[in-house]
């Protein structure tokens, strides 16, 4: 055996140390260069993203304004058409719509009620013109309003008559009340529910019932509703501009159609159909391997099931480890364990 300890002191050669330093410097420079270029790319992307976001913000108000313009044009046209259908002014229709909507009756629901009322009035005209026809319940409900040419005005008065019927028979209608001038005493007519079913096909409930019971004058005051004449002027203006917009749109579409058709040729159509045929052929060929793909998919599902079962078995086995560990700890405390292992 050696009686002395051999001590080795490593000494690094200066030339080797310099080469190592140079190599490390070059490596760190490459890393820094790559990191810097990557960072610049990220920053450039961020700047571009910010620029696009700012551009979108600038453009969004324009899109919102154009949507608003289209909505106004469409609304003006719809109201004017509805007014023509019911032989009234656009302003009257708008006021009626506003009151109804403030109560909860949507424009489509109100239009449906107006249409049913107008149909009932027309049927009543025909029945009353025939002396040999017994007036129906529907005719009895609207016969006092057959002479009203303005359907919106007649509809309003009809709702007021329903309201009066609901408050009791023999109601005295003062001068100036919208229901004043009814030539028939409502006490001799059917009940309000019968009127509603006869004209609208059902008993009114919810918002439609609240519309009948509403105080129109008070509701218009709450809405600070403009006059019918002022609303009519605004609606007619928007409807007229909508017509001009449709004319310009049609011109532009025709101009684009003529320009685009000038560029069309037979080769474009042939290439387009060839590409479509190639795509269809690719899909058709894939049908040949459908059975194999189906089997593969079924195999994958079975494999997933096996993995799930295996995972459950492993989890169960791991759970038993805790039981085993408890058993070992208890066994270690027994005399037999200490006797066998000298504990």
Protein backbone atom coordinates (compact mmCIF):
# COMPACT_ATOMS: atom_id res chain seq x y z
CA UNK A 1 0.00 0.00 0.00
CA UNK A 2 1.09 3.56 -0.67
CA UNK A 3 2.27 5.41 2.38
CA UNK A 4 1.80 8.93 0.86
CA UNK A 5 -1.18 10.69 -0.79
CA UNK A 6 -0.66 11.78 -4.36
CA UNK A 7 -2.01 15.33 -4.96
CA UNK A 8 -2.85 16.45 -8.54
CA UNK A 9 -3.37 20.14 -9.30
CA UNK A 10 -4.87 20.76 -12.76
CA UNK A 11 -3.42 23.75 -14.63
CA UNK A 12 -5.24 25.11 -17.73
CA UNK A 13 -3.08 26.15 -20.62
CA UNK A 14 -3.41 29.87 -21.50
CA UNK A 15 -3.83 29.15 -25.21
CA UNK A 16 -6.61 26.65 -24.52
CA UNK A 17 -8.31 29.09 -22.15
CA UNK A 18 -8.20 31.83 -24.76
CA UNK A 19 -9.71 29.55 -27.40
CA UNK A 20 -12.48 28.54 -25.02
CA UNK A 21 -13.23 32.17 -24.17
CA UNK A 22 -13.34 33.09 -27.86
CA UNK A 23 -15.69 30.22 -28.64
CA UNK A 24 -18.02 31.12 -25.78
CA UNK A 25 -18.11 34.76 -26.83
CA UNK A 26 -19.04 33.81 -30.39
CA UNK A 27 -21.78 31.47 -29.14
CA UNK A 28 -23.26 34.10 -26.86
CA UNK A 29 -23.18 36.62 -29.71
CA UNK A 30 -25.16 34.25 -31.94
CA UNK A 31 -27.71 33.64 -29.20
CA UNK A 32 -28.05 37.37 -28.55
CA UNK A 33 -28.42 38.09 -32.24
CA UNK A 34 -31.15 35.49 -32.67
CA UNK A 35 -32.94 36.65 -29.55
CA UNK A 36 -32.73 40.26 -30.69
CA UNK A 37 -34.11 39.52 -34.15
CA UNK A 38 -36.91 37.46 -32.64
CA UNK A 39 -37.72 40.23 -30.21
CA UNK A 40 -37.82 42.76 -33.05
CA UNK A 41 -40.19 40.51 -34.99
CA UNK A 42 -42.48 40.32 -31.99
CA UNK A 43 -42.37 44.07 -31.56
CA UNK A 44 -43.04 44.66 -35.25
CA UNK A 45 -45.96 42.26 -35.12
CA UNK A 46 -47.29 44.06 -32.09
CA UNK A 47 -47.01 47.42 -33.81
CA UNK A 48 -48.78 46.06 -36.88
CA UNK A 49 -51.46 44.58 -34.64
CA UNK A 50 -51.90 47.89 -32.89
CA UNK A 51 -52.10 49.66 -36.24
CA UNK A 52 -54.75 47.24 -37.51
CA UNK A 53 -56.69 47.57 -34.30
CA UNK A 54 -56.57 51.35 -34.57
CA UNK A 55 -57.65 51.13 -38.21
CA UNK A 56 -60.58 48.92 -37.27
CA UNK A 57 -61.60 51.40 -34.61
CA UNK A 58 -61.54 54.16 -37.18
CA UNK A 59 -63.58 52.13 -39.66
CA UNK A 60 -66.11 50.69 -37.22
CA UNK A 61 -67.96 53.98 -36.67
CA UNK A 62 -68.36 54.28 -40.45
CA UNK A 63 -69.82 50.79 -40.63
CA UNK A 64 -72.07 51.56 -37.70
CA UNK A 65 -73.29 54.73 -39.39
CA UNK A 66 -73.98 52.89 -42.64
CA UNK A 67 -75.95 50.25 -40.75
CA UNK A 68 -77.90 53.05 -39.06
CA UNK A 69 -78.66 54.67 -42.42
CA UNK A 70 -79.87 51.36 -43.88
CA UNK A 71 -82.05 50.79 -40.83
CA UNK A 72 -83.64 54.24 -41.14
CA UNK A 73 -84.29 53.77 -44.85
CA UNK A 74 -85.85 50.38 -44.28
CA UNK A 75 -87.95 51.59 -41.35
CA UNK A 76 -89.29 54.54 -43.33
CA UNK A 77 -90.25 52.31 -46.24
CA UNK A 78 -91.94 49.73 -44.01
CA UNK A 79 -94.02 52.33 -42.17
CA UNK A 80 -95.06 54.08 -45.37
CA UNK A 81 -96.11 50.79 -46.96
CA UNK A 82 -98.05 49.87 -43.83
CA UNK A 83 -99.79 53.27 -43.86
CA UNK A 84 -100.82 52.77 -47.49
CA UNK A 85 -102.16 49.32 -46.68
CA UNK A 86 -104.40 50.66 -43.92
CA UNK A 87 -105.31 53.93 -45.62
CA UNK A 88 -103.76 56.20 -43.01
CA UNK A 89 -100.77 58.49 -42.65
CA UNK A 90 -97.29 57.22 -41.79
CA UNK A 91 -97.29 59.49 -38.75
CA UNK A 92 -100.45 57.88 -37.37
CA UNK A 93 -98.96 54.42 -37.81
CA UNK A 94 -95.72 55.50 -36.10
CA UNK A 95 -97.55 56.98 -33.12
CA UNK A 96 -99.64 53.83 -32.79
CA UNK A 97 -96.50 51.68 -33.03
CA UNK A 98 -94.71 53.75 -30.40
CA UNK A 99 -97.52 53.54 -27.89
CA UNK A 100 -97.91 49.81 -28.49
CA UNK A 101 -94.19 49.14 -28.19
CA UNK A 102 -93.92 51.17 -24.99
CA UNK A 103 -96.55 48.84 -23.52
CA UNK A 104 -94.91 45.67 -24.83
CA UNK A 105 -96.69 45.00 -28.14
CA UNK A 106 -94.08 44.56 -30.88
CA UNK A 107 -94.62 46.05 -34.39
CA UNK A 108 -95.30 42.63 -35.93
CA UNK A 109 -97.93 41.87 -33.28
CA UNK A 110 -99.56 45.27 -33.84
CA UNK A 111 -99.57 44.73 -37.60
CA UNK A 112 -101.28 41.38 -37.11
CA UNK A 113 -103.95 43.00 -34.91
CA UNK A 114 -104.48 45.78 -37.48
CA UNK A 115 -104.82 43.27 -40.30
CA UNK A 116 -107.39 41.20 -38.42
CA UNK A 117 -109.32 44.35 -37.58
CA UNK A 118 -109.25 45.52 -41.22
CA UNK A 119 -110.44 42.10 -42.43
CA UNK A 120 -113.27 42.19 -39.89
CA UNK A 121 -114.33 45.67 -41.09
CA UNK A 122 -114.30 44.57 -44.72
CA UNK A 123 -116.39 41.50 -43.93
CA UNK A 124 -118.79 43.70 -41.97
CA UNK A 125 -119.20 46.04 -44.96
CA UNK A 126 -120.15 43.13 -47.16
CA UNK A 127 -122.59 41.68 -44.64
CA UNK A 128 -124.25 45.01 -43.88
CA UNK A 129 -124.62 45.74 -47.60
CA UNK A 130 -126.67 42.55 -48.01
CA UNK A 131 -130.11 42.93 -46.38
CA UNK A 132 -130.65 39.16 -46.51
CA UNK A 133 -127.53 38.35 -44.49
CA UNK A 134 -127.72 38.13 -40.73
CA UNK A 135 -124.78 40.04 -39.20
CA UNK A 136 -122.23 37.77 -37.55
CA UNK A 137 -120.66 38.33 -34.13
CA UNK A 138 -117.64 39.78 -35.90
CA UNK A 139 -119.80 42.30 -37.73
CA UNK A 140 -121.60 43.19 -34.51
CA UNK A 141 -118.22 43.92 -32.93
CA UNK A 142 -117.01 46.39 -35.59
CA UNK A 143 -120.21 47.69 -37.20
CA UNK A 144 -119.82 51.12 -35.55
CA UNK A 145 -116.46 51.59 -37.29
CA UNK A 146 -117.33 50.51 -40.82
CA UNK A 147 -117.60 54.14 -41.88
CA UNK A 148 -114.05 54.96 -40.77
CA UNK A 149 -111.83 55.26 -43.84
CA UNK A 150 -108.66 55.70 -41.76
CA UNK A 151 -108.05 52.17 -40.45
CA UNK A 152 -105.58 53.33 -37.79
CA UNK A 153 -108.13 55.81 -36.42
CA UNK A 154 -110.89 53.20 -36.57
CA UNK A 155 -108.65 50.64 -34.86
CA UNK A 156 -107.90 53.11 -32.08
CA UNK A 157 -111.60 53.81 -31.55
CA UNK A 158 -112.38 50.10 -31.60
CA UNK A 159 -109.83 49.51 -28.82
CA UNK A 160 -111.46 52.31 -26.84
CA UNK A 161 -114.85 50.65 -27.30
CA UNK A 162 -113.41 47.38 -25.96
CA UNK A 163 -112.06 49.28 -22.97
CA UNK A 164 -115.47 50.89 -22.39
CA UNK A 165 -117.17 47.52 -22.61
CA UNK A 166 -114.76 46.13 -20.05
CA UNK A 167 -115.51 48.94 -17.57
CA UNK A 168 -119.23 48.25 -17.63
CA UNK A 169 -122.34 48.75 -19.75
CA UNK A 170 -123.99 52.08 -20.26
CA UNK A 171 -120.76 54.08 -19.99
CA UNK A 172 -121.23 57.78 -20.69
CA UNK A 173 -118.66 58.97 -23.22
CA UNK A 174 -117.88 62.68 -22.85
CA UNK A 175 -117.28 64.98 -25.80
CA UNK A 176 -113.60 65.00 -26.75
CA UNK A 177 -113.03 61.41 -25.70
CA UNK A 178 -111.67 59.28 -28.60
CA UNK A 179 -114.61 56.91 -28.10
CA UNK A 180 -117.20 59.73 -28.35
CA UNK A 181 -119.62 59.46 -31.23
CA UNK A 182 -120.30 55.75 -31.12
CA UNK A 183 -123.83 55.37 -32.44
CA UNK A 184 -124.50 52.10 -30.68
CA UNK A 185 -124.88 51.56 -26.96
CA UNK A 186 -122.36 48.90 -26.02
CA UNK A 187 -124.62 47.55 -23.29
CA UNK A 188 -126.68 45.71 -25.90
CA UNK A 189 -123.67 43.97 -27.44
CA UNK A 190 -121.75 40.87 -26.53
CA UNK A 191 -119.08 40.94 -23.84
CA UNK A 192 -115.61 42.29 -24.42
CA UNK A 193 -114.17 38.79 -24.54
CA UNK A 194 -116.64 37.85 -27.27
CA UNK A 195 -115.62 40.92 -29.29
CA UNK A 196 -111.96 40.05 -28.96
CA UNK A 197 -112.48 36.47 -30.05
CA UNK A 198 -114.70 37.56 -32.94
CA UNK A 199 -112.15 40.05 -34.33
CA UNK A 200 -108.74 38.73 -33.26
CA UNK A 201 -109.54 35.02 -33.02
CA UNK A 202 -108.75 34.82 -29.33
CA UNK A 203 -109.14 36.62 -26.06
CA UNK A 204 -106.43 39.21 -25.68
CA UNK A 205 -103.89 38.70 -22.89
CA UNK A 206 -100.65 40.20 -21.67
CA UNK A 207 -99.34 43.24 -23.53
CA UNK A 208 -102.18 43.19 -26.06
CA UNK A 209 -104.72 43.39 -23.27
CA UNK A 210 -102.75 46.24 -21.68
CA UNK A 211 -102.87 48.04 -25.04
CA UNK A 212 -106.68 47.97 -24.93
CA UNK A 213 -106.73 49.28 -21.36
CA UNK A 214 -104.05 51.95 -21.95
CA UNK A 215 -104.64 55.68 -21.75
CA UNK A 216 -103.27 56.71 -25.13
CA UNK A 217 -103.17 60.43 -24.38
CA UNK A 218 -101.21 59.85 -21.19
CA UNK A 219 -98.88 57.36 -22.89
CA UNK A 220 -98.14 59.76 -25.76
CA UNK A 221 -97.35 62.46 -23.22
CA UNK A 222 -94.92 60.14 -21.43
CA UNK A 223 -93.20 59.37 -24.73
CA UNK A 224 -93.11 63.08 -25.64
CA UNK A 225 -94.32 61.94 -29.05
CA UNK A 226 -94.05 64.40 -31.95
CA UNK A 227 -97.12 65.26 -33.96
CA UNK A 228 -98.35 62.87 -36.62
CA UNK A 229 -97.58 65.48 -39.31
CA UNK A 230 -93.96 65.83 -38.19
CA UNK A 231 -93.50 62.07 -38.09
CA UNK A 232 -95.11 61.72 -41.52
CA UNK A 233 -92.65 64.21 -43.03
CA UNK A 234 -89.65 62.36 -41.56
CA UNK A 235 -90.94 58.95 -42.64
CA UNK A 236 -91.72 60.09 -46.19
CA UNK A 237 -88.25 61.61 -46.48
CA UNK A 238 -86.52 58.40 -45.40
CA UNK A 239 -88.76 56.33 -47.70
CA UNK A 240 -87.95 58.61 -50.65
CA UNK A 241 -84.22 58.33 -49.94
CA UNK A 242 -84.63 54.55 -49.76
CA UNK A 243 -86.05 54.61 -53.29
CA UNK A 244 -83.05 56.62 -54.50
CA UNK A 245 -80.71 54.18 -52.77
CA UNK A 246 -82.37 51.22 -54.50
CA UNK A 247 -82.08 52.95 -57.88
CA UNK A 248 -78.37 53.59 -57.36
CA UNK A 249 -77.85 50.04 -56.11
CA UNK A 250 -79.57 48.62 -59.19
CA UNK A 251 -77.45 50.83 -61.48
CA UNK A 252 -74.25 49.74 -59.78
CA UNK A 253 -75.23 46.07 -59.91
CA UNK A 254 -76.00 46.33 -63.63
CA UNK A 255 -72.70 48.11 -64.29
CA UNK A 256 -70.80 45.47 -62.36
CA UNK A 257 -72.67 42.71 -64.20
CA UNK A 258 -71.73 44.16 -67.60
CA UNK A 259 -68.09 44.67 -66.57
CA UNK A 260 -67.75 41.19 -65.06
CA UNK A 261 -69.44 39.46 -68.00
CA UNK A 262 -66.91 41.11 -70.30
CA UNK A 263 -64.09 39.28 -68.52
CA UNK A 264 -65.78 35.89 -68.60
CA UNK A 265 -64.62 33.37 -71.20
CA UNK A 266 -64.96 29.71 -72.02
CA UNK A 267 -61.57 28.77 -70.56
CA UNK A 268 -62.55 30.15 -67.14
CA UNK A 269 -65.65 27.98 -67.09
CA UNK A 270 -63.72 24.92 -68.27
CA UNK A 271 -60.97 25.39 -65.67
CA UNK A 272 -63.51 25.93 -62.92
CA UNK A 273 -65.43 22.78 -63.82
CA UNK A 274 -62.24 20.75 -64.21
CA UNK A 275 -61.16 21.79 -60.71
CA UNK A 276 -64.57 20.91 -59.34
CA UNK A 277 -64.51 17.52 -61.14
CA UNK A 278 -61.05 16.78 -59.73
CA UNK A 279 -62.26 17.59 -56.22
CA UNK A 280 -65.32 15.38 -56.64
CA UNK A 281 -63.11 12.58 -58.00
CA UNK A 282 -60.86 12.83 -54.96
CA UNK A 283 -63.85 12.48 -52.67
CA UNK A 284 -65.15 9.54 -54.71
CA UNK A 285 -61.82 7.73 -54.43
CA UNK A 286 -61.88 8.18 -50.70
CA UNK A 287 -65.14 6.25 -50.65
CA UNK A 288 -63.21 3.16 -51.75
CA UNK A 289 -61.28 3.17 -48.51
CA UNK A 290 -64.32 3.91 -46.37
CA UNK A 291 -64.46 0.35 -44.99
CA UNK A 292 -60.80 0.49 -43.96
CA UNK A 293 -61.26 3.92 -42.41
CA UNK A 294 -64.37 2.69 -40.60
CA UNK A 295 -62.49 -0.34 -39.25
CA UNK A 296 -59.62 1.89 -38.16
CA UNK A 297 -62.03 4.23 -36.40
CA UNK A 298 -63.72 1.27 -34.68
CA UNK A 299 -60.31 -0.09 -33.69
CA UNK A 300 -59.35 3.23 -32.18
CA UNK A 301 -62.58 3.30 -30.19
CA UNK A 302 -61.89 -0.23 -28.90
CA UNK A 303 -58.35 0.76 -28.01
CA UNK A 304 -59.66 3.76 -26.13
CA UNK A 305 -62.00 1.47 -24.24
CA UNK A 306 -59.14 -0.84 -23.32
CA UNK A 307 -57.09 2.12 -22.14
CA UNK A 308 -59.95 3.31 -20.03
CA UNK A 309 -60.30 -0.16 -18.48
CA UNK A 310 -56.54 -0.34 -17.95
CA UNK A 311 -56.50 3.09 -16.37
CA UNK A 312 -59.27 2.01 -14.04
CA UNK A 313 -57.40 -1.16 -13.09
CA UNK A 314 -54.19 0.78 -12.44
CA UNK A 315 -56.05 3.32 -10.33
CA UNK A 316 -57.63 0.50 -8.35
CA UNK A 317 -54.24 -1.18 -7.85
CA UNK A 318 -52.67 2.07 -6.72
CA UNK A 319 -55.52 2.42 -4.28
CA UNK A 320 -54.62 -0.98 -2.80
CA UNK A 321 -51.08 0.28 -2.16
CA UNK A 322 -52.43 2.42 0.62
CA UNK A 323 -54.10 -0.59 2.19
CA UNK A 324 -50.88 -2.58 1.89
CA UNK A 325 -48.87 0.25 3.42
CA UNK A 326 -51.23 0.42 6.39
CA UNK A 327 -50.96 -3.35 6.83
CA UNK A 328 -47.13 -3.22 6.76
CA UNK A 329 -47.05 -0.40 9.32
CA UNK A 330 -49.30 -2.37 11.65
CA UNK A 331 -47.26 -5.56 11.11
CA UNK A 332 -44.05 -3.78 12.04
CA UNK A 333 -45.46 -3.18 15.49
CA UNK A 334 -46.23 -6.87 16.06
CA UNK A 335 -44.00 -9.16 18.13
CA UNK A 336 -43.63 -11.66 15.28
CA UNK A 337 -42.24 -8.95 12.95
CA UNK A 338 -39.76 -7.73 15.57
CA UNK A 339 -38.74 -11.33 16.30
CA UNK A 340 -38.13 -12.22 12.66
CA UNK A 341 -36.22 -9.04 11.75
CA UNK A 342 -34.61 -8.37 15.08
CA UNK A 343 -36.55 -5.16 15.66
